[in-house]
Amino acid sequence: MKSNFEDDLAKERLLSQFLDIQYQKHLRRYFFKRISDTEAQLQGIDLVFTHKQTGLLYHIDEKAQLDYPNENLPTFAFELCYEKDGEPKTGWFLDATKKTDFYSLITGIYADEKDKFTACNITFVNREKLLDFLASWKLTKEKMEQLALSQPDYHGKMELNMLNPQTEGYLFFSRKNKVEEPVNLILKLEFLIRIGVGKRLV
């Protein structure tokens, strides 16, 4: 019998194959290469896109909502912090060691049969532009980290003065339902597109 971990890896591999077809179809001006090197992946690099004319390289971190099959959620969770061995750790969104240029956010993942992917949405988000935009709205990296660490026992949604929770975003503390107790900045995908930091590919 397969473990959950093995099942998850198998799903990720199958999804990667499906996504490669989408990239080839919709990003014809770029060559792309999947990265299998563990060290590079830990630096937030799952793919490297190279512009065919300019030769410019872009490091892509792929983030897929595989926990929500056959659902099309309007939001995406950007990890601010989590716990490991009882110690708070910086989440991937605020981690200064990451070399990510763009996030490839995979949502609305549909499978007509088990593990046979048939459709998804892909939204590219410019990491630096998003961080700069949030900072211009007084949500700096330091402010987000401070907010995330300020409520060690809080669980659930927390609204922010800077963001409209219905149309833009909010914080969510997962203190009771996830082992790593992550704190995420939940942002609406349409908001990311509207402010010019995101673009829908599919």
C-alpha atoms as a PDB file:
ATOM      1  CA  MET A   1       0.000   0.000   0.000  1.00  0.00           C
ATOM      2  CA  LYS A   2       1.283   3.456  -0.916  1.00  0.00           C
ATOM      3  CA  SER A   3       1.898   5.996   1.840  1.00  0.00           C
ATOM      4  CA  ASN A   4       0.340   9.460   1.666  1.00  0.00           C
ATOM      5  CA  PHE A   5       3.816  10.828   0.968  1.00  0.00           C
ATOM      6  CA  GLU A   6       4.251   8.509  -2.027  1.00  0.00           C
ATOM      7  CA  ASP A   7       0.767   9.381  -3.256  1.00  0.00           C
ATOM      8  CA  ASP A   8       1.565  13.100  -3.008  1.00  0.00           C
ATOM      9  CA  LEU A   9       4.823  12.658  -4.942  1.00  0.00           C
ATOM     10  CA  ALA A  10       3.029  10.686  -7.654  1.00  0.00           C
ATOM     11  CA  LYS A  11       0.377  13.404  -7.957  1.00  0.00           C
ATOM     12  CA  GLU A  12       3.042  16.110  -8.156  1.00  0.00           C
ATOM     13  CA  ARG A  13       4.859  14.244 -10.937  1.00  0.00           C
ATOM     14  CA  LEU A  14       1.661  13.775 -12.944  1.00  0.00           C
ATOM     15  CA  LEU A  15       0.678  17.405 -12.411  1.00  0.00           C
ATOM     16  CA  SER A  16       4.158  18.536 -13.515  1.00  0.00           C
ATOM     17  CA  GLN A  17       3.742  16.654 -16.787  1.00  0.00           C
ATOM     18  CA  PHE A  18       0.349  18.293 -17.346  1.00  0.00           C
ATOM     19  CA  LEU A  19       1.738  21.737 -16.497  1.00  0.00           C
ATOM     20  CA  ASP A  20       4.667  21.327 -18.895  1.00  0.00           C
ATOM     21  CA  ILE A  21       2.160  20.933 -21.723  1.00  0.00           C
ATOM     22  CA  GLN A  22       0.431  24.173 -20.635  1.00  0.00           C
ATOM     23  CA  TYR A  23       3.719  26.094 -20.484  1.00  0.00           C
ATOM     24  CA  GLN A  24       4.723  24.865 -23.949  1.00  0.00           C
ATOM     25  CA  LYS A  25       1.350  25.894 -25.319  1.00  0.00           C
ATOM     26  CA  HIS A  26       1.026  29.342 -23.726  1.00  0.00           C
ATOM     27  CA  LEU A  27       4.624  30.546 -23.280  1.00  0.00           C
ATOM     28  CA  ARG A  28       6.085  30.064 -26.750  1.00  0.00           C
ATOM     29  CA  ARG A  29       8.599  32.881 -26.360  1.00  0.00           C
ATOM     30  CA  TYR A  30      10.411  30.953 -23.631  1.00  0.00           C
ATOM     31  CA  PHE A  31      12.464  27.812 -23.220  1.00  0.00           C
ATOM     32  CA  PHE A  32      11.898  26.182 -19.857  1.00  0.00           C
ATOM     33  CA  LYS A  33      13.643  23.572 -17.776  1.00  0.00           C
ATOM     34  CA  ARG A  34      12.435  21.712 -14.699  1.00  0.00           C
ATOM     35  CA  ILE A  35      14.930  21.720 -11.842  1.00  0.00           C
ATOM     36  CA  SER A  36      15.525  18.460  -9.987  1.00  0.00           C
ATOM     37  CA  ASP A  37      18.423  19.703  -7.846  1.00  0.00           C
ATOM     38  CA  THR A  38      17.255  19.691  -4.211  1.00  0.00           C
ATOM     39  CA  GLU A  39      19.391  22.671  -3.199  1.00  0.00           C
ATOM     40  CA  ALA A  40      17.960  24.830  -5.984  1.00  0.00           C
ATOM     41  CA  GLN A  41      14.427  23.743  -5.081  1.00  0.00           C
ATOM     42  CA  LEU A  42      15.053  24.794  -1.474  1.00  0.00           C
ATOM     43  CA  GLN A  43      16.002  28.206  -2.872  1.00  0.00           C
ATOM     44  CA  GLY A  44      12.556  28.478  -4.436  1.00  0.00           C
ATOM     45  CA  ILE A  45      13.460  27.364  -7.967  1.00  0.00           C
ATOM     46  CA  ASP A  46      11.286  24.661  -9.545  1.00  0.00           C
ATOM     47  CA  LEU A  47      11.682  25.861 -13.136  1.00  0.00           C
ATOM     48  CA  VAL A  48      13.922  28.177 -15.109  1.00  0.00           C
ATOM     49  CA  PHE A  49      12.387  30.090 -18.015  1.00  0.00           C
ATOM     50  CA  THR A  50      14.701  31.601 -20.635  1.00  0.00           C
ATOM     51  CA  HIS A  51      13.441  34.205 -23.087  1.00  0.00           C
ATOM     52  CA  LYS A  52      14.256  32.970 -26.597  1.00  0.00           C
ATOM     53  CA  GLN A  53      15.242  36.418 -27.915  1.00  0.00           C
ATOM     54  CA  THR A  54      16.824  38.223 -24.959  1.00  0.00           C
ATOM     55  CA  GLY A  55      18.259  35.214 -23.111  1.00  0.00           C
ATOM     56  CA  LEU A  56      16.969  36.591 -19.803  1.00  0.00           C
ATOM     57  CA  LEU A  57      16.473  33.952 -17.105  1.00  0.00           C
ATOM     58  CA  TYR A  58      13.576  33.781 -14.650  1.00  0.00           C
ATOM     59  CA  HIS A  59      13.412  31.516 -11.610  1.00  0.00           C
ATOM     60  CA  ILE A  60       9.931  30.079 -11.045  1.00  0.00           C
ATOM     61  CA  ASP A  61       8.540  28.609  -7.825  1.00  0.00           C
ATOM     62  CA  GLU A  62       5.536  26.413  -8.579  1.00  0.00           C
ATOM     63  CA  LYS A  63       2.800  26.407  -5.920  1.00  0.00           C
ATOM     64  CA  ALA A  64      -0.150  24.066  -6.492  1.00  0.00           C
ATOM     65  CA  GLN A  65      -3.414  23.723  -4.566  1.00  0.00           C
ATOM     66  CA  LEU A  66      -3.325  19.925  -4.703  1.00  0.00           C
ATOM     67  CA  ASP A  67      -5.202  19.724  -1.386  1.00  0.00           C
ATOM     68  CA  TYR A  68      -8.302  21.105  -3.115  1.00  0.00           C
ATOM     69  CA  PRO A  69      -8.987  18.857  -6.132  1.00  0.00           C
ATOM     70  CA  ASN A  70     -11.877  19.790  -8.431  1.00  0.00           C
ATOM     71  CA  GLU A  71     -12.357  23.116  -6.653  1.00  0.00           C
ATOM     72  CA  ASN A  72     -11.643  26.567  -8.036  1.00  0.00           C
ATOM     73  CA  LEU A  73     -10.677  28.696  -5.040  1.00  0.00           C
ATOM     74  CA  PRO A  74     -10.482  32.469  -5.638  1.00  0.00           C
ATOM     75  CA  THR A  75      -7.562  32.921  -3.216  1.00  0.00           C
ATOM     76  CA  PHE A  76      -3.997  31.781  -2.650  1.00  0.00           C
ATOM     77  CA  ALA A  77      -2.077  31.390   0.625  1.00  0.00           C
ATOM     78  CA  PHE A  78       1.357  33.035   0.924  1.00  0.00           C
ATOM     79  CA  GLU A  79       3.239  31.474   3.832  1.00  0.00           C
ATOM     80  CA  LEU A  80       4.613  33.989   6.348  1.00  0.00           C
ATOM     81  CA  CYS A  81       5.815  31.619   9.071  1.00  0.00           C
ATOM     82  CA  TYR A  82       5.428  28.093  10.445  1.00  0.00           C
ATOM     83  CA  GLU A  83       6.691  25.974  13.329  1.00  0.00           C
ATOM     84  CA  LYS A  84       9.300  23.222  13.303  1.00  0.00           C
ATOM     85  CA  ASP A  85      10.370  21.404  16.485  1.00  0.00           C
ATOM     86  CA  GLY A  86       8.535  24.051  18.474  1.00  0.00           C
ATOM     87  CA  GLU A  87      10.506  26.908  16.920  1.00  0.00           C
ATOM     88  CA  PRO A  88       9.067  29.585  14.591  1.00  0.00           C
ATOM     89  CA  LYS A  89      10.517  29.526  11.066  1.00  0.00           C
ATOM     90  CA  THR A  90      10.261  32.073   8.260  1.00  0.00           C
ATOM     91  CA  GLY A  91       7.761  31.047   5.572  1.00  0.00           C
ATOM     92  CA  TRP A  92       8.640  30.884   1.886  1.00  0.00           C
ATOM     93  CA  PHE A  93       7.053  34.238   1.038  1.00  0.00           C
ATOM     94  CA  LEU A  94       9.261  36.202   3.458  1.00  0.00           C
ATOM     95  CA  ASP A  95      12.398  34.056   3.204  1.00  0.00           C
ATOM     96  CA  ALA A  96      15.232  36.301   1.972  1.00  0.00           C
ATOM     97  CA  THR A  97      17.299  33.272   0.891  1.00  0.00           C
ATOM     98  CA  LYS A  98      14.796  32.355  -1.824  1.00  0.00           C
ATOM     99  CA  LYS A  99      15.837  33.223  -5.384  1.00  0.00           C
ATOM    100  CA  THR A 100      12.304  33.149  -6.787  1.00  0.00           C
ATOM    101  CA  ASP A 101      11.454  35.719  -9.470  1.00  0.00           C
ATOM    102  CA  PHE A 102       7.899  34.518 -10.155  1.00  0.00           C
ATOM    103  CA  TYR A 103       5.403  32.247  -8.465  1.00  0.00           C
ATOM    104  CA  SER A 104       3.407  29.972 -10.740  1.00  0.00           C
ATOM    105  CA  LEU A 105       0.178  29.587  -8.759  1.00  0.00           C
ATOM    106  CA  ILE A 106      -1.762  26.507  -9.823  1.00  0.00           C
ATOM    107  CA  THR A 107      -5.438  26.611  -8.844  1.00  0.00           C
ATOM    108  CA  GLY A 108      -8.686  25.071 -10.046  1.00  0.00           C
ATOM    109  CA  ILE A 109      -6.985  21.699 -10.576  1.00  0.00           C
ATOM    110  CA  TYR A 110      -9.487  19.282 -12.102  1.00  0.00           C
ATOM    111  CA  ALA A 111      -9.187  15.542 -12.649  1.00  0.00           C
ATOM    112  CA  ASP A 112     -11.907  13.628 -14.511  1.00  0.00           C
ATOM    113  CA  GLU A 113     -10.383  10.389 -13.249  1.00  0.00           C
ATOM    114  CA  LYS A 114      -8.126   9.718 -10.280  1.00  0.00           C
ATOM    115  CA  ASP A 115      -4.811  11.514 -10.858  1.00  0.00           C
ATOM    116  CA  LYS A 116      -5.637  12.260 -14.505  1.00  0.00           C
ATOM    117  CA  PHE A 117      -5.468  16.036 -14.720  1.00  0.00           C
ATOM    118  CA  THR A 118      -7.640  17.709 -17.316  1.00  0.00           C
ATOM    119  CA  ALA A 119      -7.714  21.432 -16.446  1.00  0.00           C
ATOM    120  CA  CYS A 120      -6.207  24.060 -14.168  1.00  0.00           C
ATOM    121  CA  ASN A 121      -5.653  27.775 -13.797  1.00  0.00           C
ATOM    122  CA  ILE A 122      -2.116  29.171 -13.806  1.00  0.00           C
ATOM    123  CA  THR A 123      -1.444  32.654 -12.455  1.00  0.00           C
ATOM    124  CA  PHE A 124       2.087  34.071 -12.625  1.00  0.00           C
ATOM    125  CA  VAL A 125       2.944  36.500  -9.798  1.00  0.00           C
ATOM    126  CA  ASN A 126       6.041  38.708  -9.724  1.00  0.00           C
ATOM    127  CA  ARG A 127       7.413  38.150  -6.206  1.00  0.00           C
ATOM    128  CA  GLU A 128       9.379  41.405  -5.881  1.00  0.00           C
ATOM    129  CA  LYS A 129       6.556  43.524  -7.300  1.00  0.00           C
ATOM    130  CA  LEU A 130       4.093  41.968  -4.852  1.00  0.00           C
ATOM    131  CA  LEU A 131       6.386  42.565  -1.867  1.00  0.00           C
ATOM    132  CA  ASP A 132       6.971  46.172  -3.011  1.00  0.00           C
ATOM    133  CA  PHE A 133       3.244  46.759  -3.459  1.00  0.00           C
ATOM    134  CA  LEU A 134       2.425  45.403  -0.002  1.00  0.00           C
ATOM    135  CA  ALA A 135       5.199  47.548   1.511  1.00  0.00           C
ATOM    136  CA  SER A 136       3.664  50.627  -0.148  1.00  0.00           C
ATOM    137  CA  TRP A 137       0.451  49.761   1.743  1.00  0.00           C
ATOM    138  CA  LYS A 138       2.384  49.555   5.063  1.00  0.00           C
ATOM    139  CA  LEU A 139       2.601  45.753   4.906  1.00  0.00           C
ATOM    140  CA  THR A 140       6.382  45.444   4.888  1.00  0.00           C
ATOM    141  CA  LYS A 141       8.172  42.128   5.394  1.00  0.00           C
ATOM    142  CA  GLU A 142       8.915  43.205   8.968  1.00  0.00           C
ATOM    143  CA  LYS A 143       5.281  44.142   9.617  1.00  0.00           C
ATOM    144  CA  MET A 144       3.987  40.842   8.222  1.00  0.00           C
ATOM    145  CA  GLU A 145       6.471  38.849  10.304  1.00  0.00           C
ATOM    146  CA  GLN A 146       5.569  40.851  13.411  1.00  0.00           C
ATOM    147  CA  LEU A 147       1.847  40.225  12.860  1.00  0.00           C
ATOM    148  CA  ALA A 148       2.424  36.520  12.217  1.00  0.00           C
ATOM    149  CA  LEU A 149       4.430  36.051  15.425  1.00  0.00           C
ATOM    150  CA  SER A 150       2.352  38.335  17.649  1.00  0.00           C
ATOM    151  CA  GLN A 151      -0.521  35.880  18.227  1.00  0.00           C
ATOM    152  CA  PRO A 152       0.954  32.464  19.215  1.00  0.00           C
ATOM    153  CA  ASP A 153      -2.416  31.089  20.363  1.00  0.00           C
ATOM    154  CA  TYR A 154      -4.717  32.678  17.793  1.00  0.00           C
ATOM    155  CA  HIS A 155      -6.538  30.461  15.307  1.00  0.00           C
ATOM    156  CA  GLY A 156      -8.553  31.553  12.297  1.00  0.00           C
ATOM    157  CA  LYS A 157      -9.033  34.613  10.129  1.00  0.00           C
ATOM    158  CA  MET A 158      -7.596  38.000  11.080  1.00  0.00           C
ATOM    159  CA  GLU A 159      -8.593  41.069   9.100  1.00  0.00           C
ATOM    160  CA  LEU A 160      -6.052  43.795   8.347  1.00  0.00           C
ATOM    161  CA  ASN A 161      -6.637  47.529   8.131  1.00  0.00           C
ATOM    162  CA  MET A 162      -4.640  47.654   4.888  1.00  0.00           C
ATOM    163  CA  LEU A 163      -6.691  45.083   2.984  1.00  0.00           C
ATOM    164  CA  ASN A 164     -10.376  44.636   2.232  1.00  0.00           C
ATOM    165  CA  PRO A 165     -11.065  41.035   3.378  1.00  0.00           C
ATOM    166  CA  GLN A 166     -13.815  40.543   0.779  1.00  0.00           C
ATOM    167  CA  THR A 167     -11.918  41.713  -2.298  1.00  0.00           C
ATOM    168  CA  GLU A 168      -8.216  41.799  -1.386  1.00  0.00           C
ATOM    169  CA  GLY A 169      -6.982  39.644   1.491  1.00  0.00           C
ATOM    170  CA  TYR A 170      -6.449  38.825   5.175  1.00  0.00           C
ATOM    171  CA  LEU A 171      -4.278  36.739   7.510  1.00  0.00           C
ATOM    172  CA  PHE A 172      -5.112  33.171   8.480  1.00  0.00           C
ATOM    173  CA  PHE A 173      -3.620  31.392  11.488  1.00  0.00           C
ATOM    174  CA  SER A 174      -3.770  27.569  11.296  1.00  0.00           C
ATOM    175  CA  ARG A 175      -2.958  26.828  14.933  1.00  0.00           C
ATOM    176  CA  LYS A 176      -5.343  23.928  15.455  1.00  0.00           C
ATOM    177  CA  ASN A 177      -5.693  22.038  12.186  1.00  0.00           C
ATOM    178  CA  LYS A 178      -2.121  21.768  10.833  1.00  0.00           C
ATOM    179  CA  VAL A 179       0.986  20.291  12.444  1.00  0.00           C
ATOM    180  CA  GLU A 180       3.273  23.098  11.251  1.00  0.00           C
ATOM    181  CA  GLU A 181       0.800  25.773  12.439  1.00  0.00           C
ATOM    182  CA  PRO A 182       1.428  28.065   9.460  1.00  0.00           C
ATOM    183  CA  VAL A 183       0.390  31.700   9.325  1.00  0.00           C
ATOM    184  CA  ASN A 184      -0.573  32.703   5.779  1.00  0.00           C
ATOM    185  CA  LEU A 185      -1.384  35.899   3.975  1.00  0.00           C
ATOM    186  CA  ILE A 186      -4.468  34.997   1.956  1.00  0.00           C
ATOM    187  CA  LEU A 187      -4.770  37.071  -1.224  1.00  0.00           C
ATOM    188  CA  LYS A 188      -7.469  37.110  -3.885  1.00  0.00           C
ATOM    189  CA  LEU A 189      -6.136  36.120  -7.292  1.00  0.00           C
ATOM    190  CA  GLU A 190      -8.215  38.805  -9.025  1.00  0.00           C
ATOM    191  CA  PHE A 191      -6.696  41.389  -6.670  1.00  0.00           C
ATOM    192  CA  LEU A 192      -3.172  40.295  -7.694  1.00  0.00           C
ATOM    193  CA  ILE A 193      -4.109  40.692 -11.352  1.00  0.00           C
ATOM    194  CA  ARG A 194      -5.849  44.028 -10.734  1.00  0.00           C
ATOM    195  CA  ILE A 195      -2.821  45.622  -9.032  1.00  0.00           C
ATOM    196  CA  GLY A 196      -0.534  44.492 -11.860  1.00  0.00           C
ATOM    197  CA  VAL A 197       1.647  41.964 -10.034  1.00  0.00           C
ATOM    198  CA  GLY A 198      -0.133  38.874 -11.396  1.00  0.00           C
ATOM    199  CA  LYS A 199      -1.138  37.624 -14.842  1.00  0.00           C
ATOM    200  CA  ARG A 200      -3.408  34.731 -15.709  1.00  0.00           C
ATOM    201  CA  LEU A 201      -1.739  32.306 -18.088  1.00  0.00           C
ATOM    202  CA  VAL A 202      -4.569  29.763 -18.305  1.00  0.00           C
END
